[in-house]
Amino acid sequence: MKNMGDIRHSMRAISDTEQITKAMHLISTSKMKRAVSNYEKNRYHFDHVQAGLKDILAHSSDLSHPYVKHSEGGSAAFVVIAGDKGLCGGYNHNVLNFALAEMKKNKQQYILTVGQEARAFFERKGYMIDVEFLHIAQNPSLANARNITNDILELYDSGVMDEVYVVYTKFYSPLRQEPHIIQLLPVEESNFEDIETEYTYSADLSFHPSVKEVFDRMVPQYIIGLMYGCLVQAYASEHSARMTAMENATQNADEMLAKLSLEYNRARQFNITTEISEIIGAMEALSDSF
């Protein structure tokens, strides 16, 4: 049986840890709700940009632009979004292994990481990271989404990469988050299957001043909005996973404290019984001596 002092020490340590997990649970809950709220505020503008692009792609028979031209067998770039730290269940593990499986389908790939965990993962696997975006995973702002988009478009326009994908964790609800991959470039009509356009017609569109200038302006806005949505959903998913992990850790701490409390009471009862037995034994020894 354990010493009562050791049991008290274990109970204090678990109790202190429980206070930390409770605080982390509350913090993650607040951050997750704020991230989802910010995403919803910007969703209206992004949906209209998507509808506009789908409208152009659906009603332009002779559309020719680098942003819509698909190259077979070219090099693919993967923007992989993970967290800056752990303690969030299987969040990082799931999205990073999913990304690795998708990357292995391409012979030549470029890796762009968002988050310290993504960088560490690919370094352990022996992959060279081409571009690293620091201090962005915990700050999913439009400004950061714009910076990532500018770097992606610069590399794409220079011909370094022919396809661009982003791998992130899609947020469905606080209890459901799943790794997901979407194609950023080239822009294809199949990317907008779930987007509804405002108008219905069959004639082709004419562009002013030119189709190139229209796409040069709209596609970056589309990618910024898409990237911002991925960053926010990944951020919300991370904190949802951490919220669940901390809740489970708190419950486990409660169970451990209950077991240790029972073990402590048994040890105390054993000590008391032992002391009583020793007193009775001593009294009997004294009585026998007279």
C-alpha atoms as a PDB file:
ATOM      1  CA  MET A   1       0.000   0.000   0.000  1.00  0.00           C
ATOM      2  CA  LYS A   2       1.270   3.475  -0.904  1.00  0.00           C
ATOM      3  CA  ASN A   3       2.434   5.916   1.703  1.00  0.00           C
ATOM      4  CA  MET A   4      -0.164   8.567   2.615  1.00  0.00           C
ATOM      5  CA  GLY A   5       2.347  11.331   1.931  1.00  0.00           C
ATOM      6  CA  ASP A   6       2.966  10.009  -1.601  1.00  0.00           C
ATOM      7  CA  ILE A   7      -0.769   9.815  -2.256  1.00  0.00           C
ATOM      8  CA  ARG A   8      -1.283  13.416  -1.058  1.00  0.00           C
ATOM      9  CA  HIS A   9       1.566  14.561  -3.331  1.00  0.00           C
ATOM     10  CA  SER A  10      -0.008  12.792  -6.337  1.00  0.00           C
ATOM     11  CA  MET A  11      -3.407  14.316  -5.556  1.00  0.00           C
ATOM     12  CA  ARG A  12      -1.943  17.834  -5.383  1.00  0.00           C
ATOM     13  CA  ALA A  13      -0.111  17.357  -8.708  1.00  0.00           C
ATOM     14  CA  ILE A  14      -3.223  16.038 -10.459  1.00  0.00           C
ATOM     15  CA  SER A  15      -5.349  18.821  -8.982  1.00  0.00           C
ATOM     16  CA  ASP A  16      -2.916  21.462 -10.269  1.00  0.00           C
ATOM     17  CA  THR A  17      -2.942  19.865 -13.720  1.00  0.00           C
ATOM     18  CA  GLU A  18      -6.731  19.778 -13.682  1.00  0.00           C
ATOM     19  CA  GLN A  19      -6.853  23.516 -13.088  1.00  0.00           C
ATOM     20  CA  ILE A  20      -4.667  24.019 -16.181  1.00  0.00           C
ATOM     21  CA  THR A  21      -6.804  21.751 -18.382  1.00  0.00           C
ATOM     22  CA  LYS A  22      -9.974  23.547 -17.247  1.00  0.00           C
ATOM     23  CA  ALA A  23      -8.443  26.929 -18.120  1.00  0.00           C
ATOM     24  CA  MET A  24      -7.241  25.658 -21.523  1.00  0.00           C
ATOM     25  CA  HIS A  25     -10.708  24.285 -22.237  1.00  0.00           C
ATOM     26  CA  LEU A  26     -12.308  27.665 -21.588  1.00  0.00           C
ATOM     27  CA  ILE A  27      -9.695  29.519 -23.658  1.00  0.00           C
ATOM     28  CA  SER A  28     -10.077  27.158 -26.628  1.00  0.00           C
ATOM     29  CA  THR A  29     -13.864  27.431 -26.474  1.00  0.00           C
ATOM     30  CA  SER A  30     -13.655  31.222 -26.640  1.00  0.00           C
ATOM     31  CA  LYS A  31     -11.117  31.229 -29.501  1.00  0.00           C
ATOM     32  CA  MET A  32     -13.106  28.699 -31.525  1.00  0.00           C
ATOM     33  CA  LYS A  33     -16.316  30.732 -31.265  1.00  0.00           C
ATOM     34  CA  ARG A  34     -14.527  33.961 -32.189  1.00  0.00           C
ATOM     35  CA  ALA A  35     -12.898  32.352 -35.243  1.00  0.00           C
ATOM     36  CA  VAL A  36     -16.205  30.985 -36.542  1.00  0.00           C
ATOM     37  CA  SER A  37     -17.847  34.390 -36.008  1.00  0.00           C
ATOM     38  CA  ASN A  38     -15.120  36.170 -38.001  1.00  0.00           C
ATOM     39  CA  TYR A  39     -15.432  33.665 -40.833  1.00  0.00           C
ATOM     40  CA  GLU A  40     -19.193  34.127 -41.067  1.00  0.00           C
ATOM     41  CA  LYS A  41     -18.786  37.916 -41.223  1.00  0.00           C
ATOM     42  CA  ASN A  42     -16.581  37.642 -44.344  1.00  0.00           C
ATOM     43  CA  ARG A  43     -18.462  34.797 -45.989  1.00  0.00           C
ATOM     44  CA  TYR A  44     -20.984  37.028 -47.794  1.00  0.00           C
ATOM     45  CA  HIS A  45     -18.291  38.798 -49.824  1.00  0.00           C
ATOM     46  CA  PHE A  46     -16.473  35.558 -50.586  1.00  0.00           C
ATOM     47  CA  ASP A  47     -19.637  33.800 -51.769  1.00  0.00           C
ATOM     48  CA  HIS A  48     -20.262  36.615 -54.270  1.00  0.00           C
ATOM     49  CA  VAL A  49     -16.708  36.368 -55.595  1.00  0.00           C
ATOM     50  CA  GLN A  50     -17.169  32.613 -56.092  1.00  0.00           C
ATOM     51  CA  ALA A  51     -20.511  33.135 -57.815  1.00  0.00           C
ATOM     52  CA  GLY A  52     -18.928  35.674 -60.151  1.00  0.00           C
ATOM     53  CA  LEU A  53     -16.095  33.323 -61.119  1.00  0.00           C
ATOM     54  CA  LYS A  54     -18.488  30.437 -61.709  1.00  0.00           C
ATOM     55  CA  ASP A  55     -20.607  32.703 -63.893  1.00  0.00           C
ATOM     56  CA  ILE A  56     -17.583  33.606 -66.015  1.00  0.00           C
ATOM     57  CA  LEU A  57     -16.356  30.023 -66.350  1.00  0.00           C
ATOM     58  CA  ALA A  58     -19.805  28.718 -67.280  1.00  0.00           C
ATOM     59  CA  HIS A  59     -20.446  31.331 -69.976  1.00  0.00           C
ATOM     60  CA  SER A  60     -17.066  31.706 -71.629  1.00  0.00           C
ATOM     61  CA  SER A  61     -16.509  29.182 -74.413  1.00  0.00           C
ATOM     62  CA  ASP A  62     -13.096  30.443 -75.526  1.00  0.00           C
ATOM     63  CA  LEU A  63     -11.660  31.378 -72.143  1.00  0.00           C
ATOM     64  CA  SER A  64      -7.859  31.244 -72.103  1.00  0.00           C
ATOM     65  CA  HIS A  65      -5.908  32.398 -69.077  1.00  0.00           C
ATOM     66  CA  PRO A  66      -2.969  31.010 -67.045  1.00  0.00           C
ATOM     67  CA  TYR A  67      -5.222  30.781 -63.979  1.00  0.00           C
ATOM     68  CA  VAL A  68      -7.592  28.355 -65.748  1.00  0.00           C
ATOM     69  CA  LYS A  69      -5.097  26.463 -67.901  1.00  0.00           C
ATOM     70  CA  HIS A  70      -4.479  22.953 -66.588  1.00  0.00           C
ATOM     71  CA  SER A  71      -1.086  21.325 -67.203  1.00  0.00           C
ATOM     72  CA  GLU A  72      -0.954  17.539 -67.123  1.00  0.00           C
ATOM     73  CA  GLY A  73       1.950  15.978 -65.225  1.00  0.00           C
ATOM     74  CA  GLY A  74       3.242  19.272 -63.906  1.00  0.00           C
ATOM     75  CA  SER A  75       4.628  20.072 -60.485  1.00  0.00           C
ATOM     76  CA  ALA A  76       2.138  20.506 -57.667  1.00  0.00           C
ATOM     77  CA  ALA A  77       2.431  22.768 -54.642  1.00  0.00           C
ATOM     78  CA  PHE A  78       0.812  21.912 -51.325  1.00  0.00           C
ATOM     79  CA  VAL A  79      -0.007  24.506 -48.697  1.00  0.00           C
ATOM     80  CA  VAL A  80      -0.318  22.451 -45.502  1.00  0.00           C
ATOM     81  CA  ILE A  81      -2.002  24.075 -42.507  1.00  0.00           C
ATOM     82  CA  ALA A  82      -1.430  22.657 -39.021  1.00  0.00           C
ATOM     83  CA  GLY A  83      -1.008  24.091 -35.519  1.00  0.00           C
ATOM     84  CA  ASP A  84       1.889  25.759 -33.754  1.00  0.00           C
ATOM     85  CA  LYS A  85       1.676  23.376 -30.795  1.00  0.00           C
ATOM     86  CA  GLY A  86       0.183  20.123 -29.602  1.00  0.00           C
ATOM     87  CA  LEU A  87      -2.207  19.261 -26.764  1.00  0.00           C
ATOM     88  CA  CYS A  88      -5.089  19.094 -29.253  1.00  0.00           C
ATOM     89  CA  GLY A  89      -5.752  15.380 -29.605  1.00  0.00           C
ATOM     90  CA  GLY A  90      -5.196  13.968 -33.080  1.00  0.00           C
ATOM     91  CA  TYR A  91      -5.645  17.296 -34.893  1.00  0.00           C
ATOM     92  CA  ASN A  92      -2.061  17.710 -36.147  1.00  0.00           C
ATOM     93  CA  HIS A  93      -1.479  13.995 -36.676  1.00  0.00           C
ATOM     94  CA  ASN A  94      -4.594  13.566 -38.819  1.00  0.00           C
ATOM     95  CA  VAL A  95      -4.129  16.529 -41.152  1.00  0.00           C
ATOM     96  CA  LEU A  96      -0.382  16.012 -41.633  1.00  0.00           C
ATOM     97  CA  ASN A  97      -0.654  12.319 -42.468  1.00  0.00           C
ATOM     98  CA  PHE A  98      -3.536  13.125 -44.806  1.00  0.00           C
ATOM     99  CA  ALA A  99      -1.351  15.745 -46.530  1.00  0.00           C
ATOM    100  CA  LEU A 100       1.534  13.301 -46.868  1.00  0.00           C
ATOM    101  CA  ALA A 101      -0.734  10.711 -48.495  1.00  0.00           C
ATOM    102  CA  GLU A 102      -1.997  13.297 -51.004  1.00  0.00           C
ATOM    103  CA  MET A 103       1.517  14.497 -51.791  1.00  0.00           C
ATOM    104  CA  LYS A 104       2.715  10.989 -52.611  1.00  0.00           C
ATOM    105  CA  LYS A 105       0.291  10.943 -55.548  1.00  0.00           C
ATOM    106  CA  ASN A 106       2.489  13.529 -57.304  1.00  0.00           C
ATOM    107  CA  LYS A 107       6.013  12.872 -58.569  1.00  0.00           C
ATOM    108  CA  GLN A 108       7.214  16.426 -58.028  1.00  0.00           C
ATOM    109  CA  GLN A 109       5.856  18.695 -55.337  1.00  0.00           C
ATOM    110  CA  TYR A 110       6.568  21.897 -53.481  1.00  0.00           C
ATOM    111  CA  ILE A 111       5.763  22.189 -49.789  1.00  0.00           C
ATOM    112  CA  LEU A 112       4.498  25.375 -48.180  1.00  0.00           C
ATOM    113  CA  THR A 113       3.836  25.005 -44.459  1.00  0.00           C
ATOM    114  CA  VAL A 114       1.678  26.985 -42.069  1.00  0.00           C
ATOM    115  CA  GLY A 115       2.333  26.147 -38.417  1.00  0.00           C
ATOM    116  CA  GLN A 116       5.320  24.887 -36.455  1.00  0.00           C
ATOM    117  CA  GLU A 117       3.929  21.351 -36.285  1.00  0.00           C
ATOM    118  CA  ALA A 118       3.740  21.114 -40.090  1.00  0.00           C
ATOM    119  CA  ARG A 119       7.352  22.212 -40.449  1.00  0.00           C
ATOM    120  CA  ALA A 120       8.591  19.764 -37.797  1.00  0.00           C
ATOM    121  CA  PHE A 121       6.582  16.898 -39.323  1.00  0.00           C
ATOM    122  CA  PHE A 122       8.013  17.217 -42.838  1.00  0.00           C
ATOM    123  CA  GLU A 123      11.529  17.752 -41.525  1.00  0.00           C
ATOM    124  CA  ARG A 124      11.256  14.489 -39.595  1.00  0.00           C
ATOM    125  CA  LYS A 125      10.082  12.759 -42.770  1.00  0.00           C
ATOM    126  CA  GLY A 126      13.074  14.073 -44.694  1.00  0.00           C
ATOM    127  CA  TYR A 127      11.184  16.513 -46.925  1.00  0.00           C
ATOM    128  CA  MET A 128      12.576  19.901 -47.873  1.00  0.00           C
ATOM    129  CA  ILE A 129      10.247  22.791 -47.088  1.00  0.00           C
ATOM    130  CA  ASP A 130      10.186  25.376 -49.868  1.00  0.00           C
ATOM    131  CA  VAL A 131       8.241  28.146 -48.150  1.00  0.00           C
ATOM    132  CA  GLU A 132       7.388  28.507 -44.462  1.00  0.00           C
ATOM    133  CA  PHE A 133       4.763  30.902 -43.143  1.00  0.00           C
ATOM    134  CA  LEU A 134       5.522  31.708 -39.511  1.00  0.00           C
ATOM    135  CA  HIS A 135       3.173  32.961 -36.770  1.00  0.00           C
ATOM    136  CA  ILE A 136       0.094  32.629 -38.998  1.00  0.00           C
ATOM    137  CA  ALA A 137      -1.610  29.491 -37.659  1.00  0.00           C
ATOM    138  CA  GLN A 138      -2.641  31.362 -34.491  1.00  0.00           C
ATOM    139  CA  ASN A 139      -3.580  34.546 -36.356  1.00  0.00           C
ATOM    140  CA  PRO A 140      -5.951  33.687 -39.245  1.00  0.00           C
ATOM    141  CA  SER A 141      -6.435  37.244 -40.517  1.00  0.00           C
ATOM    142  CA  LEU A 142      -7.216  38.552 -43.992  1.00  0.00           C
ATOM    143  CA  ALA A 143      -3.829  40.260 -44.020  1.00  0.00           C
ATOM    144  CA  ASN A 144      -2.057  36.938 -43.494  1.00  0.00           C
ATOM    145  CA  ALA A 145      -4.254  35.253 -46.102  1.00  0.00           C
ATOM    146  CA  ARG A 146      -3.305  38.038 -48.525  1.00  0.00           C
ATOM    147  CA  ASN A 147       0.406  37.562 -47.831  1.00  0.00           C
ATOM    148  CA  ILE A 148       0.185  33.820 -48.494  1.00  0.00           C
ATOM    149  CA  THR A 149      -1.792  34.433 -51.679  1.00  0.00           C
ATOM    150  CA  ASN A 150       0.751  36.954 -52.966  1.00  0.00           C
ATOM    151  CA  ASP A 151       3.579  34.442 -52.521  1.00  0.00           C
ATOM    152  CA  ILE A 152       1.572  31.656 -54.180  1.00  0.00           C
ATOM    153  CA  LEU A 153       0.622  33.777 -57.194  1.00  0.00           C
ATOM    154  CA  GLU A 154       4.195  35.006 -57.598  1.00  0.00           C
ATOM    155  CA  LEU A 155       5.468  31.417 -57.766  1.00  0.00           C
ATOM    156  CA  TYR A 156       2.601  30.302 -60.006  1.00  0.00           C
ATOM    157  CA  ASP A 157       2.992  33.238 -62.418  1.00  0.00           C
ATOM    158  CA  SER A 158       6.722  32.536 -62.703  1.00  0.00           C
ATOM    159  CA  GLY A 159       6.020  28.944 -63.771  1.00  0.00           C
ATOM    160  CA  VAL A 160       7.562  27.316 -60.701  1.00  0.00           C
ATOM    161  CA  MET A 161       4.376  25.355 -60.039  1.00  0.00           C
ATOM    162  CA  ASP A 162       1.513  24.187 -62.269  1.00  0.00           C
ATOM    163  CA  GLU A 163      -1.037  23.256 -59.604  1.00  0.00           C
ATOM    164  CA  VAL A 164      -1.646  24.558 -56.102  1.00  0.00           C
ATOM    165  CA  TYR A 165      -3.548  22.700 -53.384  1.00  0.00           C
ATOM    166  CA  VAL A 166      -4.268  23.584 -49.799  1.00  0.00           C
ATOM    167  CA  VAL A 167      -4.606  20.891 -47.128  1.00  0.00           C
ATOM    168  CA  TYR A 168      -6.381  21.895 -43.937  1.00  0.00           C
ATOM    169  CA  THR A 169      -8.891  20.646 -41.380  1.00  0.00           C
ATOM    170  CA  LYS A 170     -12.445  21.479 -42.362  1.00  0.00           C
ATOM    171  CA  PHE A 171     -14.665  22.638 -39.510  1.00  0.00           C
ATOM    172  CA  TYR A 172     -18.144  21.127 -39.523  1.00  0.00           C
ATOM    173  CA  SER A 173     -19.045  21.531 -35.849  1.00  0.00           C
ATOM    174  CA  PRO A 174     -17.300  21.641 -32.453  1.00  0.00           C
ATOM    175  CA  LEU A 175     -17.536  17.843 -32.424  1.00  0.00           C
ATOM    176  CA  ARG A 176     -16.611  17.142 -36.050  1.00  0.00           C
ATOM    177  CA  GLN A 177     -13.487  18.228 -37.940  1.00  0.00           C
ATOM    178  CA  GLU A 178     -11.959  16.359 -40.869  1.00  0.00           C
ATOM    179  CA  PRO A 179      -8.816  16.789 -43.020  1.00  0.00           C
ATOM    180  CA  HIS A 180      -9.670  18.210 -46.426  1.00  0.00           C
ATOM    181  CA  ILE A 181      -7.897  19.187 -49.652  1.00  0.00           C
ATOM    182  CA  ILE A 182      -9.002  21.764 -52.204  1.00  0.00           C
ATOM    183  CA  GLN A 183      -7.470  22.998 -55.443  1.00  0.00           C
ATOM    184  CA  LEU A 184      -6.529  26.671 -55.506  1.00  0.00           C
ATOM    185  CA  LEU A 185      -5.010  26.814 -58.988  1.00  0.00           C
ATOM    186  CA  PRO A 186      -5.814  26.393 -61.779  1.00  0.00           C
ATOM    187  CA  VAL A 187      -9.384  27.592 -61.282  1.00  0.00           C
ATOM    188  CA  GLU A 188     -11.878  25.095 -62.684  1.00  0.00           C
ATOM    189  CA  GLU A 189     -15.661  25.137 -62.933  1.00  0.00           C
ATOM    190  CA  SER A 190     -15.825  21.884 -60.946  1.00  0.00           C
ATOM    191  CA  ASN A 191     -14.519  23.833 -57.939  1.00  0.00           C
ATOM    192  CA  PHE A 192     -17.841  25.687 -57.733  1.00  0.00           C
ATOM    193  CA  GLU A 193     -20.356  22.851 -57.924  1.00  0.00           C
ATOM    194  CA  ASP A 194     -22.003  23.843 -54.638  1.00  0.00           C
ATOM    195  CA  ILE A 195     -22.079  27.579 -55.467  1.00  0.00           C
ATOM    196  CA  GLU A 196     -25.259  29.155 -56.811  1.00  0.00           C
ATOM    197  CA  THR A 197     -25.061  32.013 -59.340  1.00  0.00           C
ATOM    198  CA  GLU A 198     -27.335  35.033 -59.133  1.00  0.00           C
ATOM    199  CA  TYR A 199     -28.514  34.905 -62.764  1.00  0.00           C
ATOM    200  CA  THR A 200     -29.487  32.164 -65.192  1.00  0.00           C
ATOM    201  CA  TYR A 201     -28.760  32.586 -68.909  1.00  0.00           C
ATOM    202  CA  SER A 202     -27.096  30.723 -71.776  1.00  0.00           C
ATOM    203  CA  ALA A 203     -25.264  33.403 -73.806  1.00  0.00           C
ATOM    204  CA  ASP A 204     -21.497  33.832 -73.693  1.00  0.00           C
ATOM    205  CA  LEU A 205     -19.975  36.741 -71.799  1.00  0.00           C
ATOM    206  CA  SER A 206     -17.904  39.559 -73.248  1.00  0.00           C
ATOM    207  CA  PHE A 207     -15.210  41.021 -71.030  1.00  0.00           C
ATOM    208  CA  HIS A 208     -14.172  44.621 -70.587  1.00  0.00           C
ATOM    209  CA  PRO A 209     -11.445  45.650 -70.849  1.00  0.00           C
ATOM    210  CA  SER A 210     -10.275  42.021 -71.370  1.00  0.00           C
ATOM    211  CA  VAL A 211     -10.661  38.559 -69.918  1.00  0.00           C
ATOM    212  CA  LYS A 212      -7.074  38.688 -68.660  1.00  0.00           C
ATOM    213  CA  GLU A 213      -7.638  41.849 -66.645  1.00  0.00           C
ATOM    214  CA  VAL A 214     -10.892  40.493 -65.213  1.00  0.00           C
ATOM    215  CA  PHE A 215      -9.196  37.315 -64.050  1.00  0.00           C
ATOM    216  CA  ASP A 216      -6.112  39.170 -62.875  1.00  0.00           C
ATOM    217  CA  ARG A 217      -8.371  41.025 -60.442  1.00  0.00           C
ATOM    218  CA  MET A 218     -10.942  38.391 -59.476  1.00  0.00           C
ATOM    219  CA  VAL A 219      -8.801  35.276 -59.018  1.00  0.00           C
ATOM    220  CA  PRO A 220      -6.510  36.821 -56.358  1.00  0.00           C
ATOM    221  CA  GLN A 221      -9.603  37.939 -54.425  1.00  0.00           C
ATOM    222  CA  TYR A 222     -11.044  34.468 -54.746  1.00  0.00           C
ATOM    223  CA  ILE A 223      -7.839  32.822 -53.483  1.00  0.00           C
ATOM    224  CA  ILE A 224      -7.514  35.298 -50.611  1.00  0.00           C
ATOM    225  CA  GLY A 225     -11.056  34.484 -49.508  1.00  0.00           C
ATOM    226  CA  LEU A 226     -10.491  30.765 -49.907  1.00  0.00           C
ATOM    227  CA  MET A 227      -7.197  30.879 -48.024  1.00  0.00           C
ATOM    228  CA  TYR A 228      -8.743  32.946 -45.240  1.00  0.00           C
ATOM    229  CA  GLY A 229     -11.555  30.418 -44.924  1.00  0.00           C
ATOM    230  CA  CYS A 230      -9.056  27.548 -44.714  1.00  0.00           C
ATOM    231  CA  LEU A 231      -6.993  29.349 -42.069  1.00  0.00           C
ATOM    232  CA  VAL A 232     -10.046  30.143 -39.962  1.00  0.00           C
ATOM    233  CA  GLN A 233     -11.524  26.665 -40.246  1.00  0.00           C
ATOM    234  CA  ALA A 234      -8.176  25.108 -39.349  1.00  0.00           C
ATOM    235  CA  TYR A 235      -7.879  27.466 -36.380  1.00  0.00           C
ATOM    236  CA  ALA A 236     -11.422  26.668 -35.224  1.00  0.00           C
ATOM    237  CA  SER A 237     -10.802  22.939 -35.724  1.00  0.00           C
ATOM    238  CA  GLU A 238      -7.593  23.073 -33.708  1.00  0.00           C
ATOM    239  CA  HIS A 239      -9.267  24.741 -30.756  1.00  0.00           C
ATOM    240  CA  SER A 240     -12.286  22.444 -31.004  1.00  0.00           C
ATOM    241  CA  ALA A 241      -9.928  19.473 -30.849  1.00  0.00           C
ATOM    242  CA  ARG A 242      -8.031  21.060 -27.955  1.00  0.00           C
ATOM    243  CA  MET A 243     -11.315  21.827 -26.208  1.00  0.00           C
ATOM    244  CA  THR A 244     -12.313  18.153 -26.462  1.00  0.00           C
ATOM    245  CA  ALA A 245      -8.842  16.965 -25.410  1.00  0.00           C
ATOM    246  CA  MET A 246      -8.804  19.234 -22.362  1.00  0.00           C
ATOM    247  CA  GLU A 247     -12.319  18.201 -21.415  1.00  0.00           C
ATOM    248  CA  ASN A 248     -11.287  14.542 -21.564  1.00  0.00           C
ATOM    249  CA  ALA A 249      -8.133  15.322 -19.586  1.00  0.00           C
ATOM    250  CA  THR A 250     -10.210  17.064 -16.909  1.00  0.00           C
ATOM    251  CA  GLN A 251     -12.555  14.083 -16.675  1.00  0.00           C
ATOM    252  CA  ASN A 252      -9.594  11.724 -16.392  1.00  0.00           C
ATOM    253  CA  ALA A 253      -8.156  13.922 -13.628  1.00  0.00           C
ATOM    254  CA  ASP A 254     -11.464  13.748 -11.749  1.00  0.00           C
ATOM    255  CA  GLU A 255     -11.462   9.952 -12.030  1.00  0.00           C
ATOM    256  CA  MET A 256      -7.848   9.730 -10.862  1.00  0.00           C
ATOM    257  CA  LEU A 257      -8.561  12.016  -7.917  1.00  0.00           C
ATOM    258  CA  ALA A 258     -11.552   9.883  -6.936  1.00  0.00           C
ATOM    259  CA  LYS A 259      -9.415   6.724  -7.043  1.00  0.00           C
ATOM    260  CA  LEU A 260      -6.585   8.354  -5.106  1.00  0.00           C
ATOM    261  CA  SER A 261      -9.032   9.712  -2.549  1.00  0.00           C
ATOM    262  CA  LEU A 262     -10.388   6.212  -2.026  1.00  0.00           C
ATOM    263  CA  GLU A 263      -6.835   4.844  -1.820  1.00  0.00           C
ATOM    264  CA  TYR A 264      -5.895   7.593   0.645  1.00  0.00           C
ATOM    265  CA  ASN A 265      -8.872   6.798   2.885  1.00  0.00           C
ATOM    266  CA  ARG A 266      -7.993   3.114   2.794  1.00  0.00           C
ATOM    267  CA  ALA A 267      -4.382   3.886   3.702  1.00  0.00           C
ATOM    268  CA  ARG A 268      -5.503   6.123   6.564  1.00  0.00           C
ATOM    269  CA  GLN A 269      -7.944   3.472   7.769  1.00  0.00           C
ATOM    270  CA  PHE A 270      -5.164   0.882   7.575  1.00  0.00           C
ATOM    271  CA  ASN A 271      -2.827   3.113   9.604  1.00  0.00           C
ATOM    272  CA  ILE A 272      -5.511   3.751  12.213  1.00  0.00           C
ATOM    273  CA  THR A 273      -6.306   0.040  12.451  1.00  0.00           C
ATOM    274  CA  THR A 274      -2.606  -0.748  12.760  1.00  0.00           C
ATOM    275  CA  GLU A 275      -2.161   1.828  15.532  1.00  0.00           C
ATOM    276  CA  ILE A 276      -5.184   0.491  17.420  1.00  0.00           C
ATOM    277  CA  SER A 277      -3.873  -3.046  17.094  1.00  0.00           C
ATOM    278  CA  GLU A 278      -0.497  -1.930  18.409  1.00  0.00           C
ATOM    279  CA  ILE A 279      -2.124  -0.159  21.384  1.00  0.00           C
ATOM    280  CA  ILE A 280      -4.258  -3.205  22.190  1.00  0.00           C
ATOM    281  CA  GLY A 281      -1.228  -5.447  21.868  1.00  0.00           C
ATOM    282  CA  ALA A 282       0.773  -3.193  24.201  1.00  0.00           C
ATOM    283  CA  MET A 283      -2.040  -3.113  26.777  1.00  0.00           C
ATOM    284  CA  GLU A 284      -2.319  -6.892  26.709  1.00  0.00           C
ATOM    285  CA  ALA A 285       1.431  -7.203  27.159  1.00  0.00           C
ATOM    286  CA  LEU A 286       1.306  -4.862  30.148  1.00  0.00           C
ATOM    287  CA  SER A 287      -1.615  -6.732  31.714  1.00  0.00           C
ATOM    288  CA  ASP A 288       0.211 -10.046  31.362  1.00  0.00           C
ATOM    289  CA  SER A 289       3.244  -8.648  33.149  1.00  0.00           C
ATOM    290  CA  PHE A 290       1.278  -7.924  36.374  1.00  0.00           C
END
